[in-house]
């Protein structure tokens, strides 16, 4: 999943949270917060993967 997809998921979560707050639906509000947290976690996983790839690439260049 790309960062763009995660940003869309965060936005959807914010919307769901806002609707929950406006309507008094605590479950919907909690779902929105959970969606945002999940997207944030995916961002972190993607970031770690990118860093690991960068380290791998830099080690490969040193061997040349």
N, C-alpha and C. Protein backbone atom coordinates (compact mmCIF):
# COMPACT_ATOMS: atom_id res chain seq x y z
N UNK A 1 0.86 -1.18 0.00
CA UNK A 1 0.00 0.00 0.00
C UNK A 1 0.90 1.23 0.00
N UNK A 2 0.51 2.22 -0.72
CA UNK A 2 1.35 3.42 -0.81
C UNK A 2 0.94 4.46 0.24
N UNK A 3 1.82 5.43 0.40
CA UNK A 3 1.53 6.52 1.33
C UNK A 3 0.27 7.27 0.94
N UNK A 4 0.02 7.36 -0.37
CA UNK A 4 -1.18 8.04 -0.85
C UNK A 4 -2.44 7.29 -0.39
N UNK A 5 -2.39 5.96 -0.50
CA UNK A 5 -3.53 5.15 -0.04
C UNK A 5 -3.74 5.32 1.46
N UNK A 6 -2.64 5.37 2.20
CA UNK A 6 -2.74 5.55 3.65
C UNK A 6 -3.33 6.91 3.99
N UNK A 7 -2.96 7.93 3.21
CA UNK A 7 -3.51 9.27 3.44
C UNK A 7 -5.03 9.28 3.20
N UNK A 8 -5.46 8.55 2.18
CA UNK A 8 -6.90 8.46 1.90
C UNK A 8 -7.60 7.75 3.05
N UNK A 9 -6.97 6.67 3.56
CA UNK A 9 -7.57 5.95 4.69
C UNK A 9 -7.66 6.83 5.93
N UNK A 10 -6.62 7.64 6.17
CA UNK A 10 -6.66 8.58 7.30
C UNK A 10 -7.80 9.57 7.15
N UNK A 11 -7.96 10.08 5.94
CA UNK A 11 -9.03 11.05 5.68
C UNK A 11 -10.40 10.42 5.89
N UNK A 12 -10.57 9.21 5.43
CA UNK A 12 -11.84 8.50 5.64
C UNK A 12 -12.09 8.31 7.14
N UNK A 13 -11.04 7.96 7.86
CA UNK A 13 -11.16 7.78 9.31
C UNK A 13 -11.56 9.07 10.00
N UNK A 14 -10.96 10.18 9.57
CA UNK A 14 -11.32 11.48 10.15
C UNK A 14 -12.79 11.80 9.88
N UNK A 15 -13.24 11.49 8.67
CA UNK A 15 -14.64 11.72 8.33
C UNK A 15 -15.57 10.88 9.18
N UNK A 16 -15.21 9.61 9.32
CA UNK A 16 -16.03 8.71 10.13
C UNK A 16 -16.08 9.17 11.58
N UNK A 17 -14.92 9.61 12.08
CA UNK A 17 -14.87 10.12 13.45
C UNK A 17 -15.75 11.35 13.61
N UNK A 18 -15.68 12.26 12.63
CA UNK A 18 -16.48 13.49 12.69
C UNK A 18 -17.98 13.19 12.66
N UNK A 19 -18.38 12.26 11.79
CA UNK A 19 -19.79 11.88 11.71
C UNK A 19 -20.23 11.28 13.05
N UNK A 20 -19.37 10.45 13.63
CA UNK A 20 -19.70 9.85 14.93
C UNK A 20 -19.88 10.91 15.99
N UNK A 21 -19.00 11.91 16.00
CA UNK A 21 -19.12 12.99 16.99
C UNK A 21 -20.40 13.78 16.78
N UNK A 22 -20.70 14.10 15.52
CA UNK A 22 -21.90 14.90 15.22
C UNK A 22 -23.19 14.18 15.58
N UNK A 23 -23.20 12.87 15.36
CA UNK A 23 -24.42 12.10 15.59
C UNK A 23 -24.49 11.49 16.98
N UNK A 24 -23.37 11.59 17.73
CA UNK A 24 -23.34 10.97 19.05
C UNK A 24 -23.12 9.47 18.99
N UNK A 25 -22.68 8.97 17.84
CA UNK A 25 -22.44 7.54 17.66
C UNK A 25 -20.99 7.23 18.08
N UNK A 26 -20.84 6.81 19.31
CA UNK A 26 -19.49 6.55 19.83
C UNK A 26 -18.79 5.42 19.09
N UNK A 27 -19.56 4.45 18.64
CA UNK A 27 -18.96 3.34 17.90
C UNK A 27 -18.36 3.84 16.58
N UNK A 28 -19.10 4.67 15.86
CA UNK A 28 -18.61 5.22 14.59
C UNK A 28 -17.38 6.10 14.84
N UNK A 29 -17.42 6.87 15.90
CA UNK A 29 -16.29 7.72 16.27
C UNK A 29 -15.05 6.87 16.56
N UNK A 30 -15.24 5.80 17.30
CA UNK A 30 -14.13 4.90 17.63
C UNK A 30 -13.59 4.20 16.38
N UNK A 31 -14.49 3.81 15.48
CA UNK A 31 -14.06 3.19 14.23
C UNK A 31 -13.19 4.15 13.43
N UNK A 32 -13.58 5.41 13.41
CA UNK A 32 -12.81 6.42 12.69
C UNK A 32 -11.42 6.59 13.28
N UNK A 33 -11.35 6.62 14.59
CA UNK A 33 -10.05 6.73 15.25
C UNK A 33 -9.19 5.50 14.97
N UNK A 34 -9.81 4.33 14.98
CA UNK A 34 -9.08 3.09 14.70
C UNK A 34 -8.58 3.07 13.26
N UNK A 35 -9.41 3.55 12.33
CA UNK A 35 -8.99 3.62 10.92
C UNK A 35 -7.77 4.52 10.76
N UNK A 36 -7.78 5.64 11.46
CA UNK A 36 -6.65 6.58 11.39
C UNK A 36 -5.39 5.94 11.97
N UNK A 37 -5.54 5.26 13.09
CA UNK A 37 -4.39 4.62 13.73
C UNK A 37 -3.83 3.52 12.82
N UNK A 38 -4.70 2.76 12.19
CA UNK A 38 -4.27 1.69 11.29
C UNK A 38 -3.48 2.27 10.12
N UNK A 39 -3.97 3.35 9.55
CA UNK A 39 -3.28 3.99 8.43
C UNK A 39 -1.93 4.55 8.88
N UNK A 40 -1.88 5.10 10.08
CA UNK A 40 -0.62 5.60 10.62
C UNK A 40 0.39 4.48 10.82
N UNK A 41 -0.08 3.34 11.30
CA UNK A 41 0.80 2.19 11.49
C UNK A 41 1.33 1.69 10.14
N UNK A 42 0.47 1.69 9.13
CA UNK A 42 0.92 1.27 7.80
C UNK A 42 1.98 2.23 7.26
N UNK A 43 1.82 3.52 7.56
CA UNK A 43 2.84 4.50 7.15
C UNK A 43 4.18 4.15 7.77
N UNK A 44 4.17 3.80 9.05
CA UNK A 44 5.41 3.47 9.75
C UNK A 44 6.04 2.20 9.17
N UNK A 45 5.24 1.20 8.87
CA UNK A 45 5.74 -0.03 8.28
C UNK A 45 6.37 0.27 6.91
N UNK A 46 5.69 1.08 6.12
CA UNK A 46 6.24 1.46 4.81
C UNK A 46 7.56 2.20 4.97
N UNK A 47 7.62 3.08 5.97
CA UNK A 47 8.84 3.86 6.21
C UNK A 47 10.00 2.94 6.59
N UNK A 48 9.75 1.96 7.46
CA UNK A 48 10.80 1.03 7.85
C UNK A 48 11.25 0.21 6.65
N UNK A 49 10.32 -0.21 5.82
CA UNK A 49 10.67 -0.97 4.61
C UNK A 49 11.53 -0.15 3.67
N UNK A 50 11.19 1.13 3.51
CA UNK A 50 11.98 2.01 2.64
C UNK A 50 13.39 2.19 3.19
N UNK A 51 13.48 2.35 4.50
CA UNK A 51 14.81 2.52 5.12
C UNK A 51 15.64 1.24 4.95
N UNK A 52 15.02 0.10 5.14
CA UNK A 52 15.75 -1.17 5.00
C UNK A 52 16.24 -1.33 3.56
N UNK A 53 15.42 -0.95 2.61
CA UNK A 53 15.83 -1.02 1.21
C UNK A 53 17.00 -0.08 0.95
N UNK A 54 16.97 1.09 1.55
CA UNK A 54 18.05 2.05 1.39
C UNK A 54 19.36 1.52 1.96
N UNK A 55 19.27 0.86 3.11
CA UNK A 55 20.47 0.28 3.73
C UNK A 55 21.01 -0.83 2.83
N UNK A 56 20.11 -1.66 2.35
CA UNK A 56 20.52 -2.76 1.47
C UNK A 56 21.20 -2.21 0.23
N UNK A 57 20.62 -1.18 -0.37
CA UNK A 57 21.20 -0.58 -1.57
C UNK A 57 22.55 0.05 -1.29
N UNK A 58 22.71 0.70 -0.14
CA UNK A 58 23.98 1.33 0.18
C UNK A 58 25.07 0.28 0.43
N UNK A 59 24.70 -0.84 1.04
CA UNK A 59 25.67 -1.91 1.25
C UNK A 59 26.08 -2.54 -0.08
N UNK A 60 25.16 -2.65 -0.97
CA UNK A 60 25.44 -3.22 -2.28
C UNK A 60 26.42 -2.32 -3.04
N UNK A 61 26.24 -1.01 -2.95
CA UNK A 61 27.13 -0.06 -3.64
C UNK A 61 28.54 -0.10 -3.07
N UNK A 62 28.67 -0.35 -1.77
CA UNK A 62 30.00 -0.40 -1.14
C UNK A 62 30.79 -1.61 -1.62
N UNK A 63 30.10 -2.67 -2.00
CA UNK A 63 30.77 -3.88 -2.46
C UNK A 63 31.31 -3.74 -3.89
N UNK A 64 30.78 -2.81 -4.63
CA UNK A 64 31.20 -2.67 -6.05
C UNK A 64 32.58 -2.20 -6.22
